Amino acid sequence: MGREDTLQAPRELTSRAILTTLYAAGLRVSELCHLHVTDVDSARMVLHIRQGKGQKDRYVMLAPQLLSLLREYWRQAKPRLWLFPGAVPGQPLRRKTVYLICRRAGVRAHLGKAVHPHMLRHAFASHLLDAGVDVRRLQLLLGHRSVRTTMRYLHVSPQALAVIPSPLELLPLPAPSEPQP
């Protein structure tokens, strides 16, 4: 998926902030919808995820680029309680709205398939794996109880496989001799 195209596709700052937050933090849709303004901890560069799946709290990284985008969004939208408030005052953003934003972004980015919020979570995990992050840390970032659940998210790219040395290359075997004419 063209992640840059997908994240930049929306014209509206709010939609870009929503998509970028989903991807940059690897959030579930419900976690994104229930983020409070106070869950953005710029001093520690983390997002506090409250009562995620399994009613567990966790922290995820807050990328400097995401913080910059969220600050720009905050200056424009001035959210009070919910980071991404819904259309009904005092209510969080609806999951259906996030799905529509993703779908529109995929169309605007000219992707050949429909974009769903969970695709951004999968991309987050796969891209971190490709960058060398170990599966246990991914498990913690994604908020999974079992490492087996985390493993379902991971898709190793062919480029990442190409740089992994074969164990044969690590053995101190003599070089093959040239065939005699």
C-alpha atoms as a PDB file:
ATOM      1  CA  MET A   1       0.000   0.000   0.000  1.00  0.00           C
ATOM      2  CA  GLY A   2       1.277   3.485  -0.763  1.00  0.00           C
ATOM      3  CA  ARG A   3       1.261   4.634   2.852  1.00  0.00           C
ATOM      4  CA  GLU A   4       2.525   8.132   2.031  1.00  0.00           C
ATOM      5  CA  ASP A   5      -0.165   8.564  -0.630  1.00  0.00           C
ATOM      6  CA  THR A   6      -2.862   7.213   1.673  1.00  0.00           C
ATOM      7  CA  LEU A   7      -1.866   9.443   4.588  1.00  0.00           C
ATOM      8  CA  GLN A   8      -1.597  12.551   2.403  1.00  0.00           C
ATOM      9  CA  ALA A   9      -4.701  11.888   0.292  1.00  0.00           C
ATOM     10  CA  PRO A  10      -7.278  13.679   2.477  1.00  0.00           C
ATOM     11  CA  ARG A  11      -7.564  17.413   1.931  1.00  0.00           C
ATOM     12  CA  GLU A  12      -8.934  17.972   5.439  1.00  0.00           C
ATOM     13  CA  LEU A  13      -6.416  18.294   8.258  1.00  0.00           C
ATOM     14  CA  THR A  14      -8.647  16.295  10.627  1.00  0.00           C
ATOM     15  CA  SER A  15      -8.777  13.334   8.253  1.00  0.00           C
ATOM     16  CA  ARG A  16      -4.999  13.417   7.736  1.00  0.00           C
ATOM     17  CA  ALA A  17      -4.490  13.536  11.511  1.00  0.00           C
ATOM     18  CA  ILE A  18      -6.825  10.562  12.006  1.00  0.00           C
ATOM     19  CA  LEU A  19      -5.137   8.394   9.354  1.00  0.00           C
ATOM     20  CA  THR A  20      -1.643   9.339  10.494  1.00  0.00           C
ATOM     21  CA  THR A  21      -2.470   8.585  14.129  1.00  0.00           C
ATOM     22  CA  LEU A  22      -3.863   5.163  13.182  1.00  0.00           C
ATOM     23  CA  TYR A  23      -0.705   4.297  11.255  1.00  0.00           C
ATOM     24  CA  ALA A  24       1.961   5.964  13.423  1.00  0.00           C
ATOM     25  CA  ALA A  25       0.706   4.390  16.644  1.00  0.00           C
ATOM     26  CA  GLY A  26      -0.760   1.149  15.278  1.00  0.00           C
ATOM     27  CA  LEU A  27      -4.112   1.822  16.922  1.00  0.00           C
ATOM     28  CA  ARG A  28      -7.381  -0.047  16.726  1.00  0.00           C
ATOM     29  CA  VAL A  29     -10.260   2.113  15.506  1.00  0.00           C
ATOM     30  CA  SER A  30     -11.952   2.091  18.919  1.00  0.00           C
ATOM     31  CA  GLU A  31      -8.692   3.201  20.566  1.00  0.00           C
ATOM     32  CA  LEU A  32      -8.356   6.113  18.167  1.00  0.00           C
ATOM     33  CA  CYS A  33     -11.976   7.158  18.683  1.00  0.00           C
ATOM     34  CA  HIS A  34     -11.562   7.192  22.465  1.00  0.00           C
ATOM     35  CA  LEU A  35      -8.312   9.158  22.689  1.00  0.00           C
ATOM     36  CA  HIS A  36      -8.553  12.131  25.027  1.00  0.00           C
ATOM     37  CA  VAL A  37      -6.612  15.321  24.418  1.00  0.00           C
ATOM     38  CA  THR A  38      -4.746  14.571  27.667  1.00  0.00           C
ATOM     39  CA  ASP A  39      -3.617  11.173  26.317  1.00  0.00           C
ATOM     40  CA  VAL A  40      -1.035  12.954  24.155  1.00  0.00           C
ATOM     41  CA  ASP A  41       2.067  13.125  26.376  1.00  0.00           C
ATOM     42  CA  SER A  42       4.567  15.275  24.484  1.00  0.00           C
ATOM     43  CA  ALA A  43       6.996  15.363  27.432  1.00  0.00           C
ATOM     44  CA  ARG A  44       7.486  11.572  27.275  1.00  0.00           C
ATOM     45  CA  MET A  45       6.616  11.297  23.545  1.00  0.00           C
ATOM     46  CA  VAL A  46       3.914   8.675  24.095  1.00  0.00           C
ATOM     47  CA  LEU A  47       0.189   8.241  23.580  1.00  0.00           C
ATOM     48  CA  HIS A  48      -1.709   6.772  26.506  1.00  0.00           C
ATOM     49  CA  ILE A  49      -4.166   4.159  25.295  1.00  0.00           C
ATOM     50  CA  ARG A  50      -6.837   3.728  27.948  1.00  0.00           C
ATOM     51  CA  GLN A  51      -8.897   0.600  28.271  1.00  0.00           C
ATOM     52  CA  GLY A  52      -7.873  -0.942  24.956  1.00  0.00           C
ATOM     53  CA  LYS A  53      -9.032  -4.411  24.018  1.00  0.00           C
ATOM     54  CA  GLY A  54      -9.147  -6.522  27.159  1.00  0.00           C
ATOM     55  CA  GLN A  55      -9.594  -3.343  29.246  1.00  0.00           C
ATOM     56  CA  LYS A  56      -5.815  -2.859  29.413  1.00  0.00           C
ATOM     57  CA  ASP A  57      -4.000   0.440  29.359  1.00  0.00           C
ATOM     58  CA  ARG A  58      -0.772   0.792  27.397  1.00  0.00           C
ATOM     59  CA  TYR A  59       1.553   3.389  25.974  1.00  0.00           C
ATOM     60  CA  VAL A  60       2.637   3.657  22.351  1.00  0.00           C
ATOM     61  CA  MET A  61       5.263   5.844  20.764  1.00  0.00           C
ATOM     62  CA  LEU A  62       4.443   9.376  19.668  1.00  0.00           C
ATOM     63  CA  ALA A  63       6.467  10.138  16.556  1.00  0.00           C
ATOM     64  CA  PRO A  64       7.737  13.730  16.295  1.00  0.00           C
ATOM     65  CA  GLN A  65       6.022  14.078  12.885  1.00  0.00           C
ATOM     66  CA  LEU A  66       2.732  12.926  14.402  1.00  0.00           C
ATOM     67  CA  LEU A  67       3.117  15.334  17.323  1.00  0.00           C
ATOM     68  CA  SER A  68       3.681  18.195  14.884  1.00  0.00           C
ATOM     69  CA  LEU A  69       0.588  17.217  12.886  1.00  0.00           C
ATOM     70  CA  LEU A  70      -1.517  16.839  16.053  1.00  0.00           C
ATOM     71  CA  ARG A  71      -0.410  20.271  17.263  1.00  0.00           C
ATOM     72  CA  GLU A  72      -1.425  21.810  13.943  1.00  0.00           C
ATOM     73  CA  TYR A  73      -4.755  19.957  14.134  1.00  0.00           C
ATOM     74  CA  TRP A  74      -5.276  21.083  17.758  1.00  0.00           C
ATOM     75  CA  ARG A  75      -4.629  24.738  16.862  1.00  0.00           C
ATOM     76  CA  GLN A  76      -7.251  24.509  14.127  1.00  0.00           C
ATOM     77  CA  ALA A  77      -9.916  22.288  15.738  1.00  0.00           C
ATOM     78  CA  LYS A  78      -9.448  23.116  19.439  1.00  0.00           C
ATOM     79  CA  PRO A  79     -10.733  19.755  20.736  1.00  0.00           C
ATOM     80  CA  ARG A  80     -11.523  19.776  24.461  1.00  0.00           C
ATOM     81  CA  LEU A  81     -12.179  16.265  25.807  1.00  0.00           C
ATOM     82  CA  TRP A  82     -11.938  13.887  22.866  1.00  0.00           C
ATOM     83  CA  LEU A  83      -8.905  14.296  20.628  1.00  0.00           C
ATOM     84  CA  PHE A  84     -11.192  13.514  17.686  1.00  0.00           C
ATOM     85  CA  PRO A  85     -14.702  14.547  18.750  1.00  0.00           C
ATOM     86  CA  GLY A  86     -17.752  13.255  16.968  1.00  0.00           C
ATOM     87  CA  ALA A  87     -20.502  15.197  15.258  1.00  0.00           C
ATOM     88  CA  VAL A  88     -22.633  14.979  18.423  1.00  0.00           C
ATOM     89  CA  PRO A  89     -21.258  17.381  21.075  1.00  0.00           C
ATOM     90  CA  GLY A  90     -19.545  15.563  23.944  1.00  0.00           C
ATOM     91  CA  GLN A  91     -19.354  12.275  22.023  1.00  0.00           C
ATOM     92  CA  PRO A  92     -16.254  10.644  20.522  1.00  0.00           C
ATOM     93  CA  LEU A  93     -15.747  10.126  16.819  1.00  0.00           C
ATOM     94  CA  ARG A  94     -17.793   7.233  15.409  1.00  0.00           C
ATOM     95  CA  ARG A  95     -16.017   4.177  14.039  1.00  0.00           C
ATOM     96  CA  LYS A  96     -18.060   4.411  10.853  1.00  0.00           C
ATOM     97  CA  THR A  97     -16.639   7.883  10.224  1.00  0.00           C
ATOM     98  CA  VAL A  98     -13.090   6.508  10.447  1.00  0.00           C
ATOM     99  CA  TYR A  99     -13.987   3.768   7.945  1.00  0.00           C
ATOM    100  CA  LEU A 100     -15.349   6.384   5.536  1.00  0.00           C
ATOM    101  CA  ILE A 101     -12.206   8.528   5.880  1.00  0.00           C
ATOM    102  CA  CYS A 102     -10.052   5.492   5.075  1.00  0.00           C
ATOM    103  CA  ARG A 103     -12.156   4.515   2.100  1.00  0.00           C
ATOM    104  CA  ARG A 104     -12.062   8.056   0.667  1.00  0.00           C
ATOM    105  CA  ALA A 105      -8.290   8.248   1.179  1.00  0.00           C
ATOM    106  CA  GLY A 106      -7.808   5.020  -0.760  1.00  0.00           C
ATOM    107  CA  VAL A 107      -9.896   6.340  -3.636  1.00  0.00           C
ATOM    108  CA  ARG A 108      -8.062   9.698  -3.674  1.00  0.00           C
ATOM    109  CA  ALA A 109      -4.688   7.878  -3.572  1.00  0.00           C
ATOM    110  CA  HIS A 110      -5.809   5.789  -6.589  1.00  0.00           C
ATOM    111  CA  LEU A 111      -5.218   2.491  -4.825  1.00  0.00           C
ATOM    112  CA  GLY A 112      -6.661  -0.542  -6.517  1.00  0.00           C
ATOM    113  CA  LYS A 113      -8.375  -1.807  -3.380  1.00  0.00           C
ATOM    114  CA  ALA A 114     -10.488  -0.468  -0.555  1.00  0.00           C
ATOM    115  CA  VAL A 115      -8.548   0.860   2.437  1.00  0.00           C
ATOM    116  CA  HIS A 116      -9.701  -0.135   5.908  1.00  0.00           C
ATOM    117  CA  PRO A 117      -8.387   1.243   9.219  1.00  0.00           C
ATOM    118  CA  HIS A 118      -7.064  -2.162  10.230  1.00  0.00           C
ATOM    119  CA  MET A 119      -4.808  -2.152   7.146  1.00  0.00           C
ATOM    120  CA  LEU A 120      -2.926   0.762   8.703  1.00  0.00           C
ATOM    121  CA  ARG A 121      -2.444  -1.254  11.903  1.00  0.00           C
ATOM    122  CA  HIS A 122      -1.117  -4.194   9.875  1.00  0.00           C
ATOM    123  CA  ALA A 123       1.203  -1.851   7.950  1.00  0.00           C
ATOM    124  CA  PHE A 124       2.474  -0.405  11.254  1.00  0.00           C
ATOM    125  CA  ALA A 125       3.420  -3.897  12.480  1.00  0.00           C
ATOM    126  CA  SER A 126       4.930  -5.062   9.192  1.00  0.00           C
ATOM    127  CA  HIS A 127       6.975  -1.903   8.701  1.00  0.00           C
ATOM    128  CA  LEU A 128       8.352  -2.071  12.251  1.00  0.00           C
ATOM    129  CA  LEU A 129       9.272  -5.722  11.733  1.00  0.00           C
ATOM    130  CA  ASP A 130      11.067  -4.783   8.498  1.00  0.00           C
ATOM    131  CA  ALA A 131      12.911  -2.085  10.484  1.00  0.00           C
ATOM    132  CA  GLY A 132      14.206  -4.723  12.916  1.00  0.00           C
ATOM    133  CA  VAL A 133      11.815  -4.366  15.859  1.00  0.00           C
ATOM    134  CA  ASP A 134      11.458  -7.703  17.638  1.00  0.00           C
ATOM    135  CA  VAL A 135       8.117  -9.492  17.862  1.00  0.00           C
ATOM    136  CA  ARG A 136       7.863  -9.160  21.664  1.00  0.00           C
ATOM    137  CA  ARG A 137       8.047  -5.368  21.442  1.00  0.00           C
ATOM    138  CA  LEU A 138       5.489  -5.380  18.638  1.00  0.00           C
ATOM    139  CA  GLN A 139       3.228  -7.457  20.862  1.00  0.00           C
ATOM    140  CA  LEU A 140       3.428  -4.801  23.577  1.00  0.00           C
ATOM    141  CA  LEU A 141       2.877  -1.919  21.143  1.00  0.00           C
ATOM    142  CA  LEU A 142      -0.148  -3.623  19.584  1.00  0.00           C
ATOM    143  CA  GLY A 143      -1.597  -4.532  22.989  1.00  0.00           C
ATOM    144  CA  HIS A 144      -1.838  -8.259  22.293  1.00  0.00           C
ATOM    145  CA  ARG A 145      -2.088 -10.782  25.085  1.00  0.00           C
ATOM    146  CA  SER A 146      -0.565 -13.548  22.969  1.00  0.00           C
ATOM    147  CA  VAL A 147       2.442 -13.394  20.658  1.00  0.00           C
ATOM    148  CA  ARG A 148       0.512 -15.710  18.318  1.00  0.00           C
ATOM    149  CA  THR A 149      -1.965 -12.887  17.698  1.00  0.00           C
ATOM    150  CA  THR A 150       0.918 -10.563  16.840  1.00  0.00           C
ATOM    151  CA  MET A 151       2.342 -13.102  14.397  1.00  0.00           C
ATOM    152  CA  ARG A 152      -0.858 -12.936  12.318  1.00  0.00           C
ATOM    153  CA  TYR A 153      -0.190  -9.255  11.675  1.00  0.00           C
ATOM    154  CA  LEU A 154       3.262  -9.707  10.284  1.00  0.00           C
ATOM    155  CA  HIS A 155       4.011  -9.816   6.601  1.00  0.00           C
ATOM    156  CA  VAL A 156       7.715  -9.868   5.821  1.00  0.00           C
ATOM    157  CA  SER A 157       8.542  -7.998   2.649  1.00  0.00           C
ATOM    158  CA  PRO A 158      10.695  -9.618  -0.045  1.00  0.00           C
ATOM    159  CA  GLN A 159      13.228  -6.790   0.438  1.00  0.00           C
ATOM    160  CA  ALA A 160      13.586  -7.687   4.127  1.00  0.00           C
ATOM    161  CA  LEU A 161      14.049 -11.362   3.270  1.00  0.00           C
ATOM    162  CA  ALA A 162      16.745 -10.571   0.712  1.00  0.00           C
ATOM    163  CA  VAL A 163      19.084  -9.044   3.318  1.00  0.00           C
ATOM    164  CA  ILE A 164      18.872 -11.976   5.743  1.00  0.00           C
ATOM    165  CA  PRO A 165      21.982 -14.146   5.426  1.00  0.00           C
ATOM    166  CA  SER A 166      21.541 -17.866   5.005  1.00  0.00           C
ATOM    167  CA  PRO A 167      22.890 -19.855   7.971  1.00  0.00           C
ATOM    168  CA  LEU A 168      25.118 -21.616   5.434  1.00  0.00           C
ATOM    169  CA  GLU A 169      26.932 -18.322   4.877  1.00  0.00           C
ATOM    170  CA  LEU A 170      27.705 -18.156   8.587  1.00  0.00           C
ATOM    171  CA  LEU A 171      29.531 -21.523   8.638  1.00  0.00           C
ATOM    172  CA  PRO A 172      33.327 -21.495   8.260  1.00  0.00           C
ATOM    173  CA  LEU A 173      33.337 -23.795   5.227  1.00  0.00           C
ATOM    174  CA  PRO A 174      36.203 -23.748   2.758  1.00  0.00           C
ATOM    175  CA  ALA A 175      35.512 -22.013  -0.530  1.00  0.00           C
ATOM    176  CA  PRO A 176      34.504 -24.395  -3.314  1.00  0.00           C
ATOM    177  CA  SER A 177      37.425 -25.408  -5.449  1.00  0.00           C
ATOM    178  CA  GLU A 178      37.520 -24.634  -9.133  1.00  0.00           C
ATOM    179  CA  PRO A 179      36.719 -27.616 -11.348  1.00  0.00           C
ATOM    180  CA  GLN A 180      39.826 -29.000 -13.104  1.00  0.00           C
ATOM    181  CA  PRO A 181      39.774 -28.830 -16.915  1.00  0.00           C
END
